[in-house]
C-alpha atoms as a PDB file:
ATOM      1  CA  MET A   1     110.489 -13.707 206.165  1.00  0.00           C
ATOM      2  CA  LYS A   2     108.258 -16.289 207.236  1.00  0.00           C
ATOM      3  CA  ILE A   3     107.505 -20.016 206.973  1.00  0.00           C
ATOM      4  CA  LEU A   4     104.574 -21.238 204.238  1.00  0.00           C
ATOM      5  CA  LYS A   5     104.461 -25.025 204.801  1.00  0.00           C
ATOM      6  CA  VAL A   6     106.463 -27.796 206.408  1.00  0.00           C
ATOM      7  CA  LYS A   7     106.863 -31.539 205.224  1.00  0.00           C
ATOM      8  CA  TYR A   8     108.865 -34.243 206.826  1.00  0.00           C
ATOM      9  CA  LEU A   9     110.948 -36.317 205.335  1.00  0.00           C
ATOM     10  CA  HIS A  10     113.145 -38.466 206.747  1.00  0.00           C
ATOM     11  CA  ASP A  11     115.574 -38.308 209.765  1.00  0.00           C
ATOM     12  CA  TYR A  12     115.595 -34.899 210.935  1.00  0.00           C
ATOM     13  CA  LYS A  13     114.961 -33.222 207.941  1.00  0.00           C
ATOM     14  CA  LEU A  14     112.298 -31.456 206.595  1.00  0.00           C
ATOM     15  CA  GLU A  15     111.266 -29.394 203.423  1.00  0.00           C
ATOM     16  CA  VAL A  16     110.705 -25.782 203.998  1.00  0.00           C
ATOM     17  CA  LEU A  17     108.598 -23.466 201.918  1.00  0.00           C
ATOM     18  CA  PHE A  18     109.593 -19.844 202.876  1.00  0.00           C
ATOM     19  CA  SER A  19     107.761 -16.697 201.767  1.00  0.00           C
ATOM     20  CA  ASN A  20     109.898 -15.199 200.140  1.00  0.00           C
ATOM     21  CA  GLY A  21     108.944 -18.493 197.095  1.00  0.00           C
ATOM     22  CA  GLU A  22     112.274 -20.810 198.171  1.00  0.00           C
ATOM     23  CA  THR A  23     112.083 -24.453 199.605  1.00  0.00           C
ATOM     24  CA  LYS A  24     114.819 -25.852 201.180  1.00  0.00           C
ATOM     25  CA  ILE A  25     115.418 -28.988 202.621  1.00  0.00           C
ATOM     26  CA  ALA A  26     116.741 -27.847 207.296  1.00  0.00           C
ATOM     27  CA  ASP A  27     118.472 -30.903 208.379  1.00  0.00           C
ATOM     28  CA  PHE A  28     117.963 -30.581 212.640  1.00  0.00           C
ATOM     29  CA  GLU A  29     120.409 -33.708 213.807  1.00  0.00           C
ATOM     30  CA  VAL A  30     123.281 -31.597 214.988  1.00  0.00           C
ATOM     31  CA  PHE A  31     120.715 -28.816 217.126  1.00  0.00           C
ATOM     32  CA  LEU A  32     119.049 -32.001 218.524  1.00  0.00           C
ATOM     33  CA  LYS A  33     122.041 -33.017 219.618  1.00  0.00           C
ATOM     34  CA  LYS A  34     124.037 -30.323 220.329  1.00  0.00           C
ATOM     35  CA  ALA A  35     121.221 -28.947 222.583  1.00  0.00           C
ATOM     36  CA  LYS A  36     121.999 -26.952 226.078  1.00  0.00           C
ATOM     37  CA  ASN A  37     118.407 -27.060 226.744  1.00  0.00           C
ATOM     38  CA  LYS A  38     117.929 -31.170 227.525  1.00  0.00           C
ATOM     39  CA  SER A  39     114.227 -30.133 227.648  1.00  0.00           C
ATOM     40  CA  ILE A  40     115.113 -30.855 223.312  1.00  0.00           C
ATOM     41  CA  PHE A  41     116.258 -33.980 223.459  1.00  0.00           C
ATOM     42  CA  LYS A  42     112.749 -35.761 223.412  1.00  0.00           C
ATOM     43  CA  PHE A  43     112.406 -34.663 219.297  1.00  0.00           C
ATOM     44  CA  LEU A  44     115.386 -36.742 218.656  1.00  0.00           C
ATOM     45  CA  ASP A  45     112.446 -39.819 219.495  1.00  0.00           C
ATOM     46  CA  LYS A  46     111.166 -39.157 214.967  1.00  0.00           C
ATOM     47  CA  SER A  47     107.829 -39.994 216.611  1.00  0.00           C
ATOM     48  CA  LYS A  48     107.547 -36.658 218.218  1.00  0.00           C
ATOM     49  CA  PHE A  49     110.475 -34.386 216.014  1.00  0.00           C
ATOM     50  CA  LYS A  50     108.001 -35.315 212.651  1.00  0.00           C
ATOM     51  CA  THR A  51     105.181 -33.967 214.931  1.00  0.00           C
ATOM     52  CA  VAL A  52     106.302 -30.133 213.445  1.00  0.00           C
ATOM     53  CA  GLU A  53     103.416 -27.395 212.839  1.00  0.00           C
ATOM     54  CA  ILE A  54     103.341 -24.624 211.272  1.00  0.00           C
ATOM     55  CA  ASP A  55     102.443 -21.119 214.431  1.00  0.00           C
ATOM     56  CA  THR A  56     102.859 -17.798 213.245  1.00  0.00           C
ATOM     57  CA  GLY A  57     105.972 -18.631 210.631  1.00  0.00           C
ATOM     58  CA  PHE A  58     107.576 -20.049 212.417  1.00  0.00           C
ATOM     59  CA  LEU A  59     107.965 -24.338 212.969  1.00  0.00           C
ATOM     60  CA  SER A  60     107.290 -25.398 216.846  1.00  0.00           C
ATOM     61  CA  TRP A  61     106.607 -29.219 218.239  1.00  0.00           C
ATOM     62  CA  ASN A  62     103.791 -30.232 220.856  1.00  0.00           C
ATOM     63  CA  ASN A  63     102.489 -26.786 221.004  1.00  0.00           C
ATOM     64  CA  GLY A  64     105.901 -24.656 221.223  1.00  0.00           C
ATOM     65  CA  GLU A  65     107.592 -26.342 223.131  1.00  0.00           C
ATOM     66  CA  MET A  66     110.034 -26.520 221.093  1.00  0.00           C
ATOM     67  CA  GLU A  67     110.205 -23.396 218.344  1.00  0.00           C
ATOM     68  CA  ILE A  68     112.551 -21.804 215.596  1.00  0.00           C
ATOM     69  CA  SER A  69     111.788 -18.816 213.245  1.00  0.00           C
ATOM     70  CA  ALA A  70     111.558 -18.779 210.547  1.00  0.00           C
ATOM     71  CA  TYR A  71     115.107 -16.320 209.744  1.00  0.00           C
ATOM     72  CA  SER A  72     117.222 -19.210 211.650  1.00  0.00           C
ATOM     73  CA  VAL A  73     115.937 -22.042 209.492  1.00  0.00           C
ATOM     74  CA  PHE A  74     116.777 -20.370 206.536  1.00  0.00           C
ATOM     75  CA  HIS A  75     120.337 -19.314 207.712  1.00  0.00           C
ATOM     76  CA  GLN A  76     120.924 -21.297 209.701  1.00  0.00           C
ATOM     77  CA  TYR A  77     119.352 -24.914 209.451  1.00  0.00           C
ATOM     78  CA  SER A  78     118.382 -25.233 205.730  1.00  0.00           C
ATOM     79  CA  LYS A  79     120.361 -25.488 202.296  1.00  0.00           C
ATOM     80  CA  ASN A  80     118.927 -25.206 198.339  1.00  0.00           C
ATOM     81  CA  ILE A  81     116.855 -28.114 196.931  1.00  0.00           C
ATOM     82  CA  VAL A  82     119.380 -28.472 195.228  1.00  0.00           C
ATOM     83  CA  ASP A  83     122.373 -28.416 196.875  1.00  0.00           C
ATOM     84  CA  ALA A  84     121.343 -30.609 199.786  1.00  0.00           C
ATOM     85  CA  LEU A  85     120.158 -33.519 197.401  1.00  0.00           C
END
């Protein structure tokens, strides 16, 4: 599975379209605030978090400084759009 499209919504939430056709809302607030790698804390700055891009099917920030796989986004950080509203 790959990520095909990503759209910043608000706070630390992204709308993500996956290659299986599903669109989900992913929320990274807890992940960012509880990260063990201190270099990730800089992405709590929403202006930096908003710079998310897709790189080979992964979510990527700052040229790969932080990357999250499609599998992790799909299974750990997201909800179906109906459930997220």
